[in-house]
C-alpha atoms as a PDB file:
ATOM      1  CA  MET A   1       7.933  42.571  23.759  1.00  0.00           C
ATOM      2  CA  ASP A   2       5.272  40.930  25.878  1.00  0.00           C
ATOM      3  CA  ALA A   3       5.772  40.256  29.577  1.00  0.00           C
ATOM      4  CA  ALA A   4       6.471  36.525  29.196  1.00  0.00           C
ATOM      5  CA  ARG A   5       9.211  37.125  26.629  1.00  0.00           C
ATOM      6  CA  ALA A   6      10.707  39.904  28.729  1.00  0.00           C
ATOM      7  CA  ARG A   7      10.874  37.595  31.761  1.00  0.00           C
ATOM      8  CA  ALA A   8      12.487  34.879  29.656  1.00  0.00           C
ATOM      9  CA  LEU A   9      15.055  37.330  28.297  1.00  0.00           C
ATOM     10  CA  VAL A  10      15.940  38.622  31.773  1.00  0.00           C
ATOM     11  CA  ALA A  11      16.176  35.063  33.136  1.00  0.00           C
ATOM     12  CA  ARG A  12      18.425  33.989  30.270  1.00  0.00           C
ATOM     13  CA  TYR A  13      20.625  37.064  30.733  1.00  0.00           C
ATOM     14  CA  ALA A  14      20.945  36.343  34.471  1.00  0.00           C
ATOM     15  CA  ALA A  15      21.757  32.676  33.830  1.00  0.00           C
ATOM     16  CA  LEU A  16      24.483  33.517  31.321  1.00  0.00           C
ATOM     17  CA  SER A  17      26.011  36.517  33.073  1.00  0.00           C
ATOM     18  CA  GLY A  18      25.373  35.933  36.758  1.00  0.00           C
ATOM     19  CA  ASP A  19      24.069  39.508  36.894  1.00  0.00           C
ATOM     20  CA  ALA A  20      20.599  40.089  38.327  1.00  0.00           C
ATOM     21  CA  ALA A  21      19.657  43.198  36.344  1.00  0.00           C
ATOM     22  CA  GLN A  22      15.970  43.112  37.322  1.00  0.00           C
ATOM     23  CA  ARG A  23      16.250  46.117  39.662  1.00  0.00           C
ATOM     24  CA  ARG A  24      17.927  48.276  37.005  1.00  0.00           C
ATOM     25  CA  LEU A  25      15.517  47.493  34.189  1.00  0.00           C
ATOM     26  CA  PRO A  26      12.790  50.036  34.994  1.00  0.00           C
ATOM     27  CA  GLY A  27      15.335  52.881  34.830  1.00  0.00           C
ATOM     28  CA  PHE A  28      16.784  51.602  31.558  1.00  0.00           C
ATOM     29  CA  ILE A  29      13.336  51.138  30.044  1.00  0.00           C
ATOM     30  CA  ALA A  30      12.266  54.621  31.177  1.00  0.00           C
ATOM     31  CA  ALA A  31      15.355  56.144  29.556  1.00  0.00           C
ATOM     32  CA  TYR A  32      14.699  54.188  26.348  1.00  0.00           C
ATOM     33  CA  CYS A  33      11.070  55.370  26.267  1.00  0.00           C
ATOM     34  CA  ALA A  34      12.131  58.993  26.795  1.00  0.00           C
ATOM     35  CA  VAL A  35      14.678  58.831  23.969  1.00  0.00           C
ATOM     36  CA  ARG A  36      12.263  57.100  21.575  1.00  0.00           C
ATOM     37  CA  CYS A  37       9.470  59.572  22.383  1.00  0.00           C
ATOM     38  CA  ALA A  38      11.817  62.467  21.657  1.00  0.00           C
ATOM     39  CA  ALA A  39      12.958  60.802  18.423  1.00  0.00           C
ATOM     40  CA  MET A  40       9.361  60.384  17.278  1.00  0.00           C
ATOM     41  CA  ALA A  41       8.551  64.020  18.135  1.00  0.00           C
ATOM     42  CA  PHE A  42      11.637  65.166  16.245  1.00  0.00           C
ATOM     43  CA  ALA A  43      10.753  62.996  13.229  1.00  0.00           C
ATOM     44  CA  LEU A  44       7.244  64.465  13.194  1.00  0.00           C
ATOM     45  CA  GLN A  45       8.696  67.886  12.406  1.00  0.00           C
ATOM     46  CA  THR A  46       9.866  66.753   8.973  1.00  0.00           C
ATOM     47  CA  ALA A  47       7.662  63.715   8.316  1.00  0.00           C
ATOM     48  CA  ALA A  48       5.648  63.136   5.200  1.00  0.00           C
ATOM     49  CA  THR A  49       1.921  63.403   5.790  1.00  0.00           C
ATOM     50  CA  ALA A  50       1.529  59.645   5.330  1.00  0.00           C
ATOM     51  CA  GLU A  51       3.904  58.980   8.235  1.00  0.00           C
ATOM     52  CA  MET A  52       2.562  61.519  10.713  1.00  0.00           C
ATOM     53  CA  GLU A  53      -0.151  59.343  12.236  1.00  0.00           C
ATOM     54  CA  ARG A  54       2.231  56.421  12.767  1.00  0.00           C
ATOM     55  CA  LEU A  55       4.896  58.629  14.349  1.00  0.00           C
ATOM     56  CA  ALA A  56       2.388  60.410  16.590  1.00  0.00           C
ATOM     57  CA  SER A  57       0.970  57.076  17.711  1.00  0.00           C
ATOM     58  CA  ALA A  58       4.446  55.754  18.501  1.00  0.00           C
ATOM     59  CA  ALA A  59       5.293  58.927  20.449  1.00  0.00           C
ATOM     60  CA  ASP A  60       2.066  58.572  22.436  1.00  0.00           C
ATOM     61  CA  ALA A  61       2.818  54.918  23.212  1.00  0.00           C
ATOM     62  CA  TYR A  62       6.344  55.686  24.448  1.00  0.00           C
ATOM     63  CA  ARG A  63       5.039  58.642  26.474  1.00  0.00           C
ATOM     64  CA  GLY A  64       2.348  56.489  28.058  1.00  0.00           C
ATOM     65  CA  ARG A  65       4.811  53.744  28.982  1.00  0.00           C
ATOM     66  CA  LEU A  66       7.193  56.327  30.437  1.00  0.00           C
ATOM     67  CA  ARG A  67       4.391  57.807  32.581  1.00  0.00           C
ATOM     68  CA  GLN A  68       3.460  54.347  33.787  1.00  0.00           C
ATOM     69  CA  LEU A  69       7.047  53.539  34.750  1.00  0.00           C
ATOM     70  CA  LEU A  70       7.487  56.855  36.551  1.00  0.00           C
ATOM     71  CA  ARG A  71       4.248  56.349  38.512  1.00  0.00           C
ATOM     72  CA  GLU A  72       5.362  52.842  39.498  1.00  0.00           C
ATOM     73  CA  ARG A  73       8.761  54.150  40.662  1.00  0.00           C
ATOM     74  CA  ALA A  74       7.104  56.901  42.728  1.00  0.00           C
ATOM     75  CA  LEU A  75       4.966  54.299  44.466  1.00  0.00           C
ATOM     76  CA  LEU A  76       8.012  52.162  45.291  1.00  0.00           C
ATOM     77  CA  GLU A  77      10.076  54.931  46.822  1.00  0.00           C
END
């Protein structure tokens, strides 16, 4: 999801629920990235050759996003 859609989703959620979840989102997104990266790595162990590149690319993308989020959190604290 691009940044504009993510902002719209969070704004809509806040308007409907009254809950400002913005501060919790980086932690939730980091956890999601970690789980998805692990799932891709696990799937790679039994993947057909045709799927290996796609799964490895997805694992790399989730790993990269997780690193980015962790660096951002370290700078904030």
